[in-house]
Amino acid sequence: MTRLIPGSIVFTALLAGCTSLGEVPTAKVATTTVYLANGLPAGTAVITAAGDRLTLNLAATGLAPGTHGVHLHMVGTCTAPGFASAGSHLNPSARQHGSANPGGSHMGDLPNLVIDVQGRGVLSAQLGGNRPELEAALFDSDGTALVIHAQADDYKTDPTGNSGERIACGVIKRS
């Protein structure tokens, strides 16, 4: 038997995880499709706004099982195979790398992405900074890329967290 759930119940369930209405996403700010070096899609990401905060939500597929570093990079260009065209990590405040680094972290730092044995994983992370400064950095004249690395980020080693080669990349586009 199929039962329909009234919209008010679904909305209430969505709000249950939020402590205030300011935490409810009200706008889609940006999106990207992340591609492997061979041109196959490896996932999608959406950046949403809730009040003055931005959150990145990434769903990845087709990657090797394990833990992978994920970062925002300074340049919105993803030239395969190595994606070096994306430049360094997004770091407009000239800080050190990583949440465990006393001199860190910078705007491009994100938590690691864990990929399961089926090659899938999801990541949700609030971006550091407020909406105006984040949007200014994300959508500057040369854009921003989202990069997935081959290894885990150690959250402390400057400048890359020892996260290894770049295995997937997507250009962040304003919604």
C-alpha atoms as a PDB file:
ATOM      1  CA  MET A   1       0.000   0.000   0.000  1.00  0.00           C
ATOM      2  CA  THR A   2       1.377   3.423  -0.949  1.00  0.00           C
ATOM      3  CA  ARG A   3       0.826   6.255   1.498  1.00  0.00           C
ATOM      4  CA  LEU A   4       1.340   9.892   0.731  1.00  0.00           C
ATOM      5  CA  ILE A   5       3.034  11.994   3.360  1.00  0.00           C
ATOM      6  CA  PRO A   6       1.623  15.506   3.668  1.00  0.00           C
ATOM      7  CA  GLY A   7       4.084  18.242   2.710  1.00  0.00           C
ATOM      8  CA  SER A   8       3.899  19.822   6.157  1.00  0.00           C
ATOM      9  CA  ILE A   9       5.210  16.602   7.732  1.00  0.00           C
ATOM     10  CA  VAL A  10       8.128  16.440   5.269  1.00  0.00           C
ATOM     11  CA  PHE A  11       8.943  20.116   5.884  1.00  0.00           C
ATOM     12  CA  THR A  12       8.771  19.574   9.658  1.00  0.00           C
ATOM     13  CA  ALA A  13      11.104  16.576   9.346  1.00  0.00           C
ATOM     14  CA  LEU A  14      13.603  18.647   7.356  1.00  0.00           C
ATOM     15  CA  LEU A  15      13.537  21.371   9.991  1.00  0.00           C
ATOM     16  CA  ALA A  16      14.048  18.881  12.826  1.00  0.00           C
ATOM     17  CA  GLY A  17      17.808  18.778  12.152  1.00  0.00           C
ATOM     18  CA  CYS A  18      18.107  22.563  12.321  1.00  0.00           C
ATOM     19  CA  THR A  19      18.317  24.561  15.526  1.00  0.00           C
ATOM     20  CA  SER A  20      17.019  27.733  13.909  1.00  0.00           C
ATOM     21  CA  LEU A  21      15.335  28.872  10.721  1.00  0.00           C
ATOM     22  CA  GLY A  22      18.608  30.625   9.827  1.00  0.00           C
ATOM     23  CA  GLU A  23      20.096  27.168   9.223  1.00  0.00           C
ATOM     24  CA  VAL A  24      17.524  26.175   6.598  1.00  0.00           C
ATOM     25  CA  PRO A  25      19.017  26.500   3.084  1.00  0.00           C
ATOM     26  CA  THR A  26      17.159  29.237   1.249  1.00  0.00           C
ATOM     27  CA  ALA A  27      19.148  29.563  -1.959  1.00  0.00           C
ATOM     28  CA  LYS A  28      21.267  27.496  -4.316  1.00  0.00           C
ATOM     29  CA  VAL A  29      24.412  29.574  -4.833  1.00  0.00           C
ATOM     30  CA  ALA A  30      26.590  27.374  -7.069  1.00  0.00           C
ATOM     31  CA  THR A  31      26.960  23.958  -8.664  1.00  0.00           C
ATOM     32  CA  THR A  32      29.581  21.830 -10.355  1.00  0.00           C
ATOM     33  CA  THR A  33      30.021  18.459 -11.954  1.00  0.00           C
ATOM     34  CA  VAL A  34      33.334  16.875 -10.995  1.00  0.00           C
ATOM     35  CA  TYR A  35      35.160  14.916 -13.720  1.00  0.00           C
ATOM     36  CA  LEU A  36      37.919  12.320 -13.683  1.00  0.00           C
ATOM     37  CA  ALA A  37      40.988  12.789 -15.896  1.00  0.00           C
ATOM     38  CA  ASN A  38      39.446  10.440 -18.494  1.00  0.00           C
ATOM     39  CA  GLY A  39      36.439  12.769 -18.828  1.00  0.00           C
ATOM     40  CA  LEU A  40      33.942  10.583 -16.976  1.00  0.00           C
ATOM     41  CA  PRO A  41      31.764  12.319 -14.383  1.00  0.00           C
ATOM     42  CA  ALA A  42      32.735  11.560 -10.771  1.00  0.00           C
ATOM     43  CA  GLY A  43      30.047  13.487  -8.933  1.00  0.00           C
ATOM     44  CA  THR A  44      28.156  16.676  -8.397  1.00  0.00           C
ATOM     45  CA  ALA A  45      28.324  19.420  -5.805  1.00  0.00           C
ATOM     46  CA  VAL A  46      25.879  22.112  -4.784  1.00  0.00           C
ATOM     47  CA  ILE A  47      26.633  25.127  -2.603  1.00  0.00           C
ATOM     48  CA  THR A  48      23.606  26.415  -0.697  1.00  0.00           C
ATOM     49  CA  ALA A  49      23.072  29.452   1.504  1.00  0.00           C
ATOM     50  CA  ALA A  50      21.409  29.538   4.902  1.00  0.00           C
ATOM     51  CA  GLY A  51      21.482  33.054   6.229  1.00  0.00           C
ATOM     52  CA  ASP A  52      25.085  34.289   6.087  1.00  0.00           C
ATOM     53  CA  ARG A  53      26.619  30.793   5.799  1.00  0.00           C
ATOM     54  CA  LEU A  54      27.375  28.630   2.763  1.00  0.00           C
ATOM     55  CA  THR A  55      27.397  24.834   2.741  1.00  0.00           C
ATOM     56  CA  LEU A  56      28.951  22.577   0.117  1.00  0.00           C
ATOM     57  CA  ASN A  57      27.238  19.224  -0.513  1.00  0.00           C
ATOM     58  CA  LEU A  58      29.147  16.719  -2.658  1.00  0.00           C
ATOM     59  CA  ALA A  59      27.978  13.333  -3.949  1.00  0.00           C
ATOM     60  CA  ALA A  60      30.790  11.357  -5.601  1.00  0.00           C
ATOM     61  CA  THR A  61      30.896   8.088  -7.506  1.00  0.00           C
ATOM     62  CA  GLY A  62      33.393   5.985  -9.449  1.00  0.00           C
ATOM     63  CA  LEU A  63      36.311   6.727  -7.124  1.00  0.00           C
ATOM     64  CA  ALA A  64      38.631   4.239  -5.415  1.00  0.00           C
ATOM     65  CA  PRO A  65      37.409   3.192  -1.966  1.00  0.00           C
ATOM     66  CA  GLY A  66      39.105   5.006   0.887  1.00  0.00           C
ATOM     67  CA  THR A  67      39.574   8.534   2.158  1.00  0.00           C
ATOM     68  CA  HIS A  68      40.239  11.417  -0.209  1.00  0.00           C
ATOM     69  CA  GLY A  69      41.175  15.047   0.394  1.00  0.00           C
ATOM     70  CA  VAL A  70      38.793  17.623  -1.070  1.00  0.00           C
ATOM     71  CA  HIS A  71      39.644  21.287  -1.552  1.00  0.00           C
ATOM     72  CA  LEU A  72      38.479  24.436  -3.247  1.00  0.00           C
ATOM     73  CA  HIS A  73      41.227  25.648  -5.594  1.00  0.00           C
ATOM     74  CA  MET A  74      42.021  29.198  -6.719  1.00  0.00           C
ATOM     75  CA  VAL A  75      41.368  28.897 -10.453  1.00  0.00           C
ATOM     76  CA  GLY A  76      38.194  27.723 -12.166  1.00  0.00           C
ATOM     77  CA  THR A  77      39.982  25.632 -14.792  1.00  0.00           C
ATOM     78  CA  CYS A  78      40.196  21.825 -14.849  1.00  0.00           C
ATOM     79  CA  THR A  79      42.670  20.664 -17.484  1.00  0.00           C
ATOM     80  CA  ALA A  80      43.271  16.903 -17.388  1.00  0.00           C
ATOM     81  CA  PRO A  81      45.125  14.799 -16.641  1.00  0.00           C
ATOM     82  CA  GLY A  82      46.673  16.401 -13.536  1.00  0.00           C
ATOM     83  CA  PHE A  83      44.333  19.382 -13.044  1.00  0.00           C
ATOM     84  CA  ALA A  84      47.305  21.616 -12.149  1.00  0.00           C
ATOM     85  CA  SER A  85      45.410  24.368 -13.991  1.00  0.00           C
ATOM     86  CA  ALA A  86      43.199  24.735 -10.878  1.00  0.00           C
ATOM     87  CA  GLY A  87      46.137  26.335  -9.053  1.00  0.00           C
ATOM     88  CA  SER A  88      46.681  26.243  -5.304  1.00  0.00           C
ATOM     89  CA  HIS A  89      44.055  25.950  -2.609  1.00  0.00           C
ATOM     90  CA  LEU A  90      41.645  28.872  -2.293  1.00  0.00           C
ATOM     91  CA  ASN A  91      43.363  31.006   0.323  1.00  0.00           C
ATOM     92  CA  PRO A  92      42.577  34.742   0.043  1.00  0.00           C
ATOM     93  CA  SER A  93      43.604  35.350   3.689  1.00  0.00           C
ATOM     94  CA  ALA A  94      47.098  33.806   3.207  1.00  0.00           C
ATOM     95  CA  ARG A  95      46.736  31.306   6.066  1.00  0.00           C
ATOM     96  CA  GLN A  96      48.380  27.934   6.596  1.00  0.00           C
ATOM     97  CA  HIS A  97      46.676  24.692   5.545  1.00  0.00           C
ATOM     98  CA  GLY A  98      44.415  22.559   7.679  1.00  0.00           C
ATOM     99  CA  SER A  99      42.094  22.605  10.642  1.00  0.00           C
ATOM    100  CA  ALA A 100      44.802  20.957  12.819  1.00  0.00           C
ATOM    101  CA  ASN A 101      47.445  23.529  11.823  1.00  0.00           C
ATOM    102  CA  PRO A 102      47.877  26.331  14.399  1.00  0.00           C
ATOM    103  CA  GLY A 103      48.303  28.786  11.486  1.00  0.00           C
ATOM    104  CA  GLY A 104      45.291  27.462   9.540  1.00  0.00           C
ATOM    105  CA  SER A 105      42.932  26.940   8.076  1.00  0.00           C
ATOM    106  CA  HIS A 106      42.276  28.556   4.745  1.00  0.00           C
ATOM    107  CA  MET A 107      39.051  28.999   2.804  1.00  0.00           C
ATOM    108  CA  GLY A 108      39.724  26.042   0.497  1.00  0.00           C
ATOM    109  CA  ASP A 109      40.065  23.503   3.316  1.00  0.00           C
ATOM    110  CA  LEU A 110      37.275  20.935   3.449  1.00  0.00           C
ATOM    111  CA  PRO A 111      36.791  17.664   5.349  1.00  0.00           C
ATOM    112  CA  ASN A 112      37.894  14.402   3.761  1.00  0.00           C
ATOM    113  CA  LEU A 113      35.541  12.445   1.532  1.00  0.00           C
ATOM    114  CA  VAL A 114      35.097   8.767   2.415  1.00  0.00           C
ATOM    115  CA  ILE A 115      34.349   6.495  -0.541  1.00  0.00           C
ATOM    116  CA  ASP A 116      32.724   3.122   0.199  1.00  0.00           C
ATOM    117  CA  VAL A 117      33.454  -0.236  -1.474  1.00  0.00           C
ATOM    118  CA  GLN A 118      30.881   0.561  -4.194  1.00  0.00           C
ATOM    119  CA  GLY A 119      32.882   3.688  -5.092  1.00  0.00           C
ATOM    120  CA  ARG A 120      30.392   6.169  -3.639  1.00  0.00           C
ATOM    121  CA  GLY A 121      30.573   8.836  -0.971  1.00  0.00           C
ATOM    122  CA  VAL A 122      28.958  12.036   0.227  1.00  0.00           C
ATOM    123  CA  LEU A 123      30.315  15.083   1.978  1.00  0.00           C
ATOM    124  CA  SER A 124      28.569  18.069   3.511  1.00  0.00           C
ATOM    125  CA  ALA A 125      30.667  20.928   4.864  1.00  0.00           C
ATOM    126  CA  GLN A 126      30.006  24.464   5.969  1.00  0.00           C
ATOM    127  CA  LEU A 127      32.473  26.780   4.241  1.00  0.00           C
ATOM    128  CA  GLY A 128      34.627  28.981   6.456  1.00  0.00           C
ATOM    129  CA  GLY A 129      33.754  32.657   6.274  1.00  0.00           C
ATOM    130  CA  ASN A 130      30.614  34.671   5.697  1.00  0.00           C
ATOM    131  CA  ARG A 131      28.559  34.704   2.525  1.00  0.00           C
ATOM    132  CA  PRO A 132      29.815  38.004   1.043  1.00  0.00           C
ATOM    133  CA  GLU A 133      33.514  37.118   1.457  1.00  0.00           C
ATOM    134  CA  LEU A 134      32.962  33.549   0.249  1.00  0.00           C
ATOM    135  CA  GLU A 135      31.057  34.654  -2.851  1.00  0.00           C
ATOM    136  CA  ALA A 136      33.727  37.253  -3.623  1.00  0.00           C
ATOM    137  CA  ALA A 137      36.421  34.549  -3.499  1.00  0.00           C
ATOM    138  CA  LEU A 138      34.425  31.839  -5.289  1.00  0.00           C
ATOM    139  CA  PHE A 139      33.318  34.066  -8.152  1.00  0.00           C
ATOM    140  CA  ASP A 140      36.382  36.256  -8.681  1.00  0.00           C
ATOM    141  CA  SER A 141      37.668  36.929 -12.202  1.00  0.00           C
ATOM    142  CA  ASP A 142      39.350  33.508 -12.629  1.00  0.00           C
ATOM    143  CA  GLY A 143      36.759  31.421 -10.775  1.00  0.00           C
ATOM    144  CA  THR A 144      37.195  28.463  -8.431  1.00  0.00           C
ATOM    145  CA  ALA A 145      37.510  24.693  -8.843  1.00  0.00           C
ATOM    146  CA  LEU A 146      36.539  21.802  -6.575  1.00  0.00           C
ATOM    147  CA  VAL A 147      39.281  19.156  -6.560  1.00  0.00           C
ATOM    148  CA  ILE A 148      39.290  15.617  -5.175  1.00  0.00           C
ATOM    149  CA  HIS A 149      42.696  14.156  -4.308  1.00  0.00           C
ATOM    150  CA  ALA A 150      43.996  10.565  -4.340  1.00  0.00           C
ATOM    151  CA  GLN A 151      44.792  10.400  -0.615  1.00  0.00           C
ATOM    152  CA  ALA A 152      43.417  11.668   2.680  1.00  0.00           C
ATOM    153  CA  ASP A 153      44.176  15.208   3.842  1.00  0.00           C
ATOM    154  CA  ASP A 154      46.126  15.142   7.129  1.00  0.00           C
ATOM    155  CA  TYR A 155      44.605  18.547   8.060  1.00  0.00           C
ATOM    156  CA  LYS A 156      47.962  20.061   9.033  1.00  0.00           C
ATOM    157  CA  THR A 157      50.721  19.860   6.413  1.00  0.00           C
ATOM    158  CA  ASP A 158      51.081  23.121   4.508  1.00  0.00           C
ATOM    159  CA  PRO A 159      50.225  23.727   1.719  1.00  0.00           C
ATOM    160  CA  THR A 160      48.269  20.600   0.605  1.00  0.00           C
ATOM    161  CA  GLY A 161      47.681  18.316   3.590  1.00  0.00           C
ATOM    162  CA  ASN A 162      49.731  15.575   1.894  1.00  0.00           C
ATOM    163  CA  SER A 163      46.602  14.608  -0.025  1.00  0.00           C
ATOM    164  CA  GLY A 164      48.405  13.430  -3.139  1.00  0.00           C
ATOM    165  CA  GLU A 165      47.632  13.872  -6.795  1.00  0.00           C
ATOM    166  CA  ARG A 166      44.477  15.496  -8.108  1.00  0.00           C
ATOM    167  CA  ILE A 167      42.144  12.813  -9.466  1.00  0.00           C
ATOM    168  CA  ALA A 168      38.932  14.744 -10.167  1.00  0.00           C
ATOM    169  CA  CYS A 169      38.024  18.369 -10.768  1.00  0.00           C
ATOM    170  CA  GLY A 170      34.984  20.559 -11.394  1.00  0.00           C
ATOM    171  CA  VAL A 171      34.567  24.271 -12.079  1.00  0.00           C
ATOM    172  CA  ILE A 172      32.259  26.027  -9.597  1.00  0.00           C
ATOM    173  CA  LYS A 173      29.472  27.872 -11.471  1.00  0.00           C
ATOM    174  CA  ARG A 174      27.102  30.437  -9.997  1.00  0.00           C
ATOM    175  CA  SER A 175      23.492  29.249  -9.985  1.00  0.00           C
END
